[in-house]
Amino acid sequence: MYKNKADNGANNICGKNIKRIRESLPEKPSQKRFADMLQVAGLDVDKNAIQRIECGKRFVTDIELKVIAEVLKVSYAELLAE
């Protein structure tokens, strides 16, 4: 059977890692500031989208994951680690 949710029922497995990495950055950007950083990099998301991603309520596309990894300066594998 096809699974499109994480084992815990979340819509993504990267959200908790995105939050952890974002909060560990030296400047500790808020969700709003992180959304601004992503917009500068060409990804049209807002603070509400970041909030939903980080709590696992929103799916994340491969295109979004690529930009998020670039902005956070981490690998895809680090974002997808369970």
N, C-alpha and C. Protein backbone atom coordinates (compact mmCIF):
# COMPACT_ATOMS: atom_id res chain seq x y z
N MET A 1 0.83 -1.18 0.00
CA MET A 1 0.00 0.00 0.00
C MET A 1 0.88 1.25 0.00
N TYR A 2 0.47 2.26 -0.72
CA TYR A 2 1.21 3.51 -0.85
C TYR A 2 1.10 4.32 0.44
N LYS A 3 2.25 4.81 0.91
CA LYS A 3 2.28 5.66 2.10
C LYS A 3 2.70 7.06 1.70
N ASN A 4 1.91 8.05 2.09
CA ASN A 4 2.33 9.42 1.84
C ASN A 4 2.39 10.22 3.13
N LYS A 5 2.50 9.52 4.23
CA LYS A 5 2.68 10.16 5.53
C LYS A 5 3.81 9.45 6.27
N ALA A 6 4.44 10.18 7.19
CA ALA A 6 5.48 9.59 8.02
C ALA A 6 4.84 8.59 8.98
N ASP A 7 5.66 7.78 9.60
CA ASP A 7 5.16 6.78 10.55
C ASP A 7 4.36 7.40 11.69
N ASN A 8 4.70 8.64 12.05
CA ASN A 8 3.98 9.31 13.14
C ASN A 8 2.73 10.05 12.67
N GLY A 9 2.39 9.91 11.38
CA GLY A 9 1.19 10.55 10.83
C GLY A 9 1.43 11.93 10.25
N ALA A 10 2.65 12.44 10.36
CA ALA A 10 2.96 13.76 9.82
C ALA A 10 3.01 13.72 8.30
N ASN A 11 2.83 14.88 7.70
CA ASN A 11 2.87 15.00 6.24
C ASN A 11 4.28 15.15 5.69
N ASN A 12 5.28 15.21 6.56
CA ASN A 12 6.67 15.25 6.11
C ASN A 12 7.56 14.68 7.21
N ILE A 13 8.78 14.33 6.84
CA ILE A 13 9.75 13.85 7.84
C ILE A 13 10.87 14.87 8.05
N CYS A 14 10.84 15.96 7.30
CA CYS A 14 11.91 16.94 7.38
C CYS A 14 11.60 18.10 8.31
N GLY A 15 10.36 18.30 8.66
CA GLY A 15 9.96 19.48 9.43
C GLY A 15 10.69 19.64 10.75
N LYS A 16 10.77 18.56 11.51
CA LYS A 16 11.45 18.65 12.81
C LYS A 16 12.93 18.95 12.64
N ASN A 17 13.53 18.44 11.57
CA ASN A 17 14.95 18.71 11.30
C ASN A 17 15.14 20.15 10.85
N ILE A 18 14.23 20.65 10.02
CA ILE A 18 14.32 22.04 9.58
C ILE A 18 14.27 22.97 10.80
N LYS A 19 13.33 22.71 11.70
CA LYS A 19 13.20 23.54 12.90
C LYS A 19 14.47 23.47 13.75
N ARG A 20 14.97 22.26 13.97
CA ARG A 20 16.17 22.08 14.79
C ARG A 20 17.36 22.83 14.20
N ILE A 21 17.53 22.68 12.88
CA ILE A 21 18.68 23.32 12.22
C ILE A 21 18.49 24.84 12.20
N ARG A 22 17.29 25.31 11.89
CA ARG A 22 17.01 26.75 11.89
C ARG A 22 17.34 27.37 13.25
N GLU A 23 16.89 26.71 14.30
CA GLU A 23 17.10 27.23 15.65
C GLU A 23 18.55 27.12 16.11
N SER A 24 19.34 26.27 15.44
CA SER A 24 20.75 26.13 15.81
C SER A 24 21.67 27.09 15.04
N LEU A 25 21.13 27.81 14.07
CA LEU A 25 21.93 28.78 13.33
C LEU A 25 22.39 29.89 14.27
N PRO A 26 23.56 30.47 14.02
CA PRO A 26 24.07 31.52 14.90
C PRO A 26 23.10 32.69 15.09
N GLU A 27 22.41 33.08 14.00
CA GLU A 27 21.47 34.22 14.10
C GLU A 27 20.09 33.80 14.60
N LYS A 28 19.85 32.50 14.77
CA LYS A 28 18.58 31.96 15.25
C LYS A 28 17.37 32.68 14.62
N PRO A 29 17.24 32.57 13.29
CA PRO A 29 16.15 33.30 12.63
C PRO A 29 14.78 32.79 13.07
N SER A 30 13.86 33.72 13.20
CA SER A 30 12.47 33.36 13.48
C SER A 30 11.89 32.69 12.23
N GLN A 31 10.70 32.14 12.36
CA GLN A 31 10.05 31.54 11.20
C GLN A 31 9.82 32.60 10.13
N LYS A 32 9.47 33.81 10.52
CA LYS A 32 9.26 34.91 9.57
C LYS A 32 10.56 35.24 8.85
N ARG A 33 11.64 35.35 9.61
CA ARG A 33 12.95 35.67 9.01
C ARG A 33 13.40 34.54 8.09
N PHE A 34 13.17 33.29 8.49
CA PHE A 34 13.53 32.15 7.65
C PHE A 34 12.73 32.17 6.35
N ALA A 35 11.43 32.49 6.44
CA ALA A 35 10.61 32.60 5.23
C ALA A 35 11.17 33.69 4.31
N ASP A 36 11.61 34.80 4.90
CA ASP A 36 12.22 35.88 4.11
C ASP A 36 13.49 35.40 3.42
N MET A 37 14.31 34.62 4.14
CA MET A 37 15.54 34.08 3.57
C MET A 37 15.22 33.16 2.39
N LEU A 38 14.18 32.36 2.52
CA LEU A 38 13.78 31.45 1.45
C LEU A 38 13.24 32.23 0.26
N GLN A 39 12.51 33.31 0.53
CA GLN A 39 11.99 34.12 -0.57
C GLN A 39 13.11 34.77 -1.35
N VAL A 40 14.13 35.24 -0.67
CA VAL A 40 15.31 35.81 -1.36
C VAL A 40 15.96 34.76 -2.25
N ALA A 41 15.92 33.50 -1.81
CA ALA A 41 16.51 32.40 -2.58
C ALA A 41 15.57 31.91 -3.69
N GLY A 42 14.37 32.50 -3.79
CA GLY A 42 13.46 32.17 -4.89
C GLY A 42 12.31 31.26 -4.53
N LEU A 43 12.13 30.95 -3.26
CA LEU A 43 11.04 30.06 -2.83
C LEU A 43 9.94 30.91 -2.20
N ASP A 44 8.75 30.87 -2.79
CA ASP A 44 7.65 31.71 -2.33
C ASP A 44 6.89 31.02 -1.20
N VAL A 45 7.35 31.23 0.02
CA VAL A 45 6.68 30.70 1.21
C VAL A 45 6.56 31.83 2.24
N ASP A 46 5.61 31.69 3.13
CA ASP A 46 5.47 32.68 4.19
C ASP A 46 5.65 32.02 5.55
N LYS A 47 5.55 32.81 6.60
CA LYS A 47 5.75 32.32 7.96
C LYS A 47 4.79 31.19 8.30
N ASN A 48 3.55 31.28 7.83
CA ASN A 48 2.57 30.22 8.11
C ASN A 48 2.96 28.90 7.46
N ALA A 49 3.53 28.97 6.26
CA ALA A 49 3.99 27.75 5.59
C ALA A 49 5.14 27.12 6.37
N ILE A 50 6.06 27.95 6.86
CA ILE A 50 7.18 27.43 7.66
C ILE A 50 6.65 26.76 8.92
N GLN A 51 5.70 27.41 9.58
CA GLN A 51 5.11 26.85 10.79
C GLN A 51 4.48 25.48 10.50
N ARG A 52 3.73 25.37 9.41
CA ARG A 52 3.07 24.12 9.05
C ARG A 52 4.07 23.04 8.65
N ILE A 53 5.15 23.43 7.97
CA ILE A 53 6.20 22.47 7.61
C ILE A 53 6.86 21.93 8.86
N GLU A 54 7.25 22.83 9.76
CA GLU A 54 7.98 22.42 10.95
C GLU A 54 7.16 21.54 11.89
N CYS A 55 5.84 21.72 11.90
CA CYS A 55 5.02 20.86 12.78
C CYS A 55 4.48 19.64 12.03
N GLY A 56 4.87 19.46 10.76
CA GLY A 56 4.51 18.26 10.02
C GLY A 56 3.13 18.28 9.39
N LYS A 57 2.50 19.43 9.34
CA LYS A 57 1.14 19.51 8.77
C LYS A 57 1.13 19.82 7.28
N ARG A 58 2.28 20.13 6.70
CA ARG A 58 2.34 20.49 5.28
C ARG A 58 3.35 19.60 4.57
N PHE A 59 2.96 19.16 3.38
CA PHE A 59 3.88 18.41 2.54
C PHE A 59 4.99 19.36 2.06
N VAL A 60 6.16 18.81 1.76
CA VAL A 60 7.29 19.58 1.25
C VAL A 60 7.69 18.97 -0.09
N THR A 61 7.71 19.79 -1.13
CA THR A 61 8.09 19.28 -2.45
C THR A 61 9.60 19.16 -2.55
N ASP A 62 10.06 18.43 -3.54
CA ASP A 62 11.50 18.29 -3.74
C ASP A 62 12.14 19.63 -4.08
N ILE A 63 11.44 20.48 -4.80
CA ILE A 63 11.96 21.81 -5.14
C ILE A 63 12.13 22.64 -3.87
N GLU A 64 11.13 22.59 -2.99
CA GLU A 64 11.23 23.31 -1.72
C GLU A 64 12.37 22.76 -0.87
N LEU A 65 12.48 21.44 -0.82
CA LEU A 65 13.53 20.81 -0.02
C LEU A 65 14.92 21.24 -0.51
N LYS A 66 15.08 21.35 -1.81
CA LYS A 66 16.36 21.77 -2.39
C LYS A 66 16.74 23.18 -1.93
N VAL A 67 15.80 24.11 -2.00
CA VAL A 67 16.08 25.49 -1.60
C VAL A 67 16.30 25.58 -0.09
N ILE A 68 15.49 24.87 0.68
CA ILE A 68 15.65 24.88 2.14
C ILE A 68 17.04 24.37 2.52
N ALA A 69 17.48 23.28 1.90
CA ALA A 69 18.81 22.74 2.18
C ALA A 69 19.89 23.75 1.83
N GLU A 70 19.74 24.43 0.71
CA GLU A 70 20.73 25.42 0.29
C GLU A 70 20.78 26.59 1.29
N VAL A 71 19.63 27.08 1.71
CA VAL A 71 19.59 28.22 2.63
C VAL A 71 20.14 27.83 4.00
N LEU A 72 19.83 26.62 4.46
CA LEU A 72 20.33 26.15 5.75
C LEU A 72 21.78 25.65 5.67
N LYS A 73 22.29 25.50 4.43
CA LYS A 73 23.65 25.00 4.20
C LYS A 73 23.86 23.60 4.78
N VAL A 74 22.88 22.73 4.47
CA VAL A 74 22.95 21.33 4.89
C VAL A 74 22.61 20.44 3.70
N SER A 75 22.82 19.15 3.86
CA SER A 75 22.49 18.20 2.79
C SER A 75 21.03 17.77 2.90
N TYR A 76 20.54 17.22 1.80
CA TYR A 76 19.18 16.65 1.82
C TYR A 76 19.10 15.56 2.87
N ALA A 77 20.15 14.76 2.96
CA ALA A 77 20.16 13.64 3.90
C ALA A 77 19.96 14.12 5.34
N GLU A 78 20.57 15.24 5.67
CA GLU A 78 20.40 15.76 7.04
C GLU A 78 18.97 16.21 7.28
N LEU A 79 18.33 16.78 6.26
CA LEU A 79 16.93 17.19 6.41
C LEU A 79 15.99 16.00 6.50
N LEU A 80 16.37 14.89 5.85
CA LEU A 80 15.47 13.73 5.78
C LEU A 80 15.77 12.67 6.83
N ALA A 81 16.78 12.89 7.66
CA ALA A 81 17.14 11.90 8.69
C ALA A 81 16.00 11.75 9.69
N GLU A 82 15.73 10.50 10.02
CA GLU A 82 14.65 10.24 11.00
C GLU A 82 15.22 9.94 12.35
